[in-house]
């Protein structure tokens, strides 16, 4: 079992920055892909960025590429965490941001698709005002 706790959300103006943190605990050895998703009110959950923990290979949605950076490292209170640095934020970036972890191995992996992942956190809200 993997436990994910997101933090770092908030309200910023257009052009601002936020750093989201996903603290990972539990069976952390099981994870291989980690991702960040967001969901705006009335819309489907969409993939923002993903990282393959064993190689540091990253993938970004077109909307995030060049503005967001996903990384992994040690958390403040956990041995492992995943971060999402978000710069040049736009109003359309607003929504609930969720951290996700995949423990399954093998098969086709679509890293920006929610069904790829086995665990999700509770989310952290991001609001960008114009």
Protein backbone atom coordinates (compact mmCIF):
# COMPACT_ATOMS: atom_id res chain seq x y z
CA UNK A 1 0.00 0.00 0.00
CA UNK A 2 1.30 3.43 -0.96
CA UNK A 3 0.12 6.60 0.75
CA UNK A 4 0.28 9.96 -1.05
CA UNK A 5 -0.20 13.36 0.57
CA UNK A 6 -0.14 16.51 -1.56
CA UNK A 7 0.67 20.01 -0.33
CA UNK A 8 1.72 23.38 -1.69
CA UNK A 9 -1.44 24.50 -3.44
CA UNK A 10 -2.78 28.02 -3.10
CA UNK A 11 -3.95 31.15 -4.88
CA UNK A 12 -1.67 33.10 -7.17
CA UNK A 13 -2.00 35.63 -9.95
CA UNK A 14 -1.30 34.97 -13.61
CA UNK A 15 2.41 34.54 -14.14
CA UNK A 16 3.04 33.36 -10.61
CA UNK A 17 4.65 30.15 -9.39
CA UNK A 18 3.83 27.31 -7.01
CA UNK A 19 5.74 24.26 -5.84
CA UNK A 20 3.59 21.20 -5.18
CA UNK A 21 4.92 18.38 -3.04
CA UNK A 22 3.71 14.79 -2.88
CA UNK A 23 4.92 13.01 0.25
CA UNK A 24 5.10 9.27 -0.40
CA UNK A 25 4.99 6.67 2.37
CA UNK A 26 4.10 3.01 2.78
CA UNK A 27 5.33 0.41 0.29
CA UNK A 28 7.44 2.92 -1.58
CA UNK A 29 9.54 0.23 -3.23
CA UNK A 30 6.49 -0.78 -5.23
CA UNK A 31 6.19 2.46 -7.14
CA UNK A 32 7.69 2.85 -10.59
CA UNK A 33 5.77 5.64 -12.29
CA UNK A 34 4.64 8.77 -10.45
CA UNK A 35 2.38 11.39 -11.94
CA UNK A 36 0.60 14.66 -11.36
CA UNK A 37 -2.98 15.11 -12.53
CA UNK A 38 -5.41 17.99 -12.29
CA UNK A 39 -9.15 18.29 -12.41
CA UNK A 40 -11.10 21.50 -12.93
CA UNK A 41 -14.72 21.78 -11.88
CA UNK A 42 -16.95 19.95 -14.32
CA UNK A 43 -14.05 18.50 -16.28
CA UNK A 44 -12.30 15.16 -16.45
CA UNK A 45 -9.06 14.49 -14.64
CA UNK A 46 -6.12 15.13 -16.97
CA UNK A 47 -2.47 14.19 -16.80
CA UNK A 48 0.03 17.02 -16.34
CA UNK A 49 3.39 15.31 -15.86
CA UNK A 50 4.92 11.94 -15.11
CA UNK A 51 8.28 10.61 -13.95
CA UNK A 52 9.68 7.09 -14.14
CA UNK A 53 11.38 6.79 -10.79
CA UNK A 54 13.98 4.24 -11.85
CA UNK A 55 15.45 6.37 -14.65
CA UNK A 56 14.17 9.89 -13.98
CA UNK A 57 12.55 9.93 -17.42
CA UNK A 58 9.84 12.59 -17.58
CA UNK A 59 6.80 13.20 -19.75
CA UNK A 60 4.69 16.36 -19.91
CA UNK A 61 1.31 17.30 -21.30
CA UNK A 62 1.51 19.89 -24.07
CA UNK A 63 -0.11 22.44 -21.78
CA UNK A 64 2.60 21.96 -19.14
CA UNK A 65 5.74 21.54 -21.21
CA UNK A 66 8.17 24.42 -20.75
CA UNK A 67 6.36 25.79 -17.68
CA UNK A 68 6.15 22.85 -15.26
CA UNK A 69 8.93 20.62 -13.95
CA UNK A 70 8.42 17.26 -12.23
CA UNK A 71 11.19 15.89 -10.04
CA UNK A 72 11.79 13.38 -7.27
CA UNK A 73 13.78 13.50 -4.08
CA UNK A 74 13.62 13.33 -0.32
CA UNK A 75 10.59 14.79 1.39
CA UNK A 76 10.55 16.96 4.48
CA UNK A 77 9.15 14.12 6.57
CA UNK A 78 9.37 11.18 4.19
CA UNK A 79 12.19 9.34 2.48
CA UNK A 80 10.64 9.93 -0.90
CA UNK A 81 8.66 12.75 -2.48
CA UNK A 82 7.68 13.97 -5.91
CA UNK A 83 7.57 17.65 -6.73
CA UNK A 84 5.86 19.75 -9.36
CA UNK A 85 7.33 23.19 -9.90
CA UNK A 86 4.79 25.30 -11.74
CA UNK A 87 5.88 28.59 -13.30
CA UNK A 88 4.12 31.14 -15.53
CA UNK A 89 0.78 29.98 -14.23
CA UNK A 90 -2.38 30.76 -16.17
CA UNK A 91 -6.05 30.83 -15.09
CA UNK A 92 -6.63 27.62 -17.05
CA UNK A 93 -4.14 25.86 -14.76
CA UNK A 94 -6.63 26.18 -11.89
CA UNK A 95 -8.03 23.00 -10.39
CA UNK A 96 -7.43 20.27 -7.87
CA UNK A 97 -4.01 18.71 -8.33
CA UNK A 98 -3.52 15.04 -7.51
CA UNK A 99 -0.41 12.97 -7.09
CA UNK A 100 -0.51 9.40 -8.43
CA UNK A 101 1.62 6.27 -8.13
CA UNK A 102 1.75 3.08 -10.16
CA UNK A 103 2.85 -0.19 -8.56
CA UNK A 104 1.90 -2.60 -11.36
CA UNK A 105 4.67 -3.65 -13.70
CA UNK A 106 4.52 -4.58 -17.34
CA UNK A 107 1.83 -3.94 -19.91
CA UNK A 108 1.15 -0.81 -21.89
CA UNK A 109 1.80 2.30 -19.83
CA UNK A 110 0.12 5.53 -20.84
CA UNK A 111 1.71 7.79 -18.27
CA UNK A 112 -0.75 10.69 -18.57
CA UNK A 113 -3.84 8.48 -18.29
CA UNK A 114 -5.44 8.15 -14.82
CA UNK A 115 -6.20 4.42 -15.17
CA UNK A 116 -2.46 3.75 -15.44
CA UNK A 117 -2.07 4.51 -11.75
CA UNK A 118 -2.98 2.48 -8.69
CA UNK A 119 -2.95 5.16 -6.00
CA UNK A 120 -4.08 8.78 -5.82
CA UNK A 121 -3.78 11.34 -3.05
CA UNK A 122 -6.55 13.60 -1.78
CA UNK A 123 -5.40 16.57 -3.83
CA UNK A 124 -4.35 20.17 -3.29
CA UNK A 125 -6.23 23.14 -4.76
CA UNK A 126 -4.57 25.56 -7.16
CA UNK A 127 -6.31 28.80 -8.12
CA UNK A 128 -4.83 31.22 -10.64
CA UNK A 129 -6.53 34.58 -11.01
CA UNK A 130 -6.21 36.93 -13.97
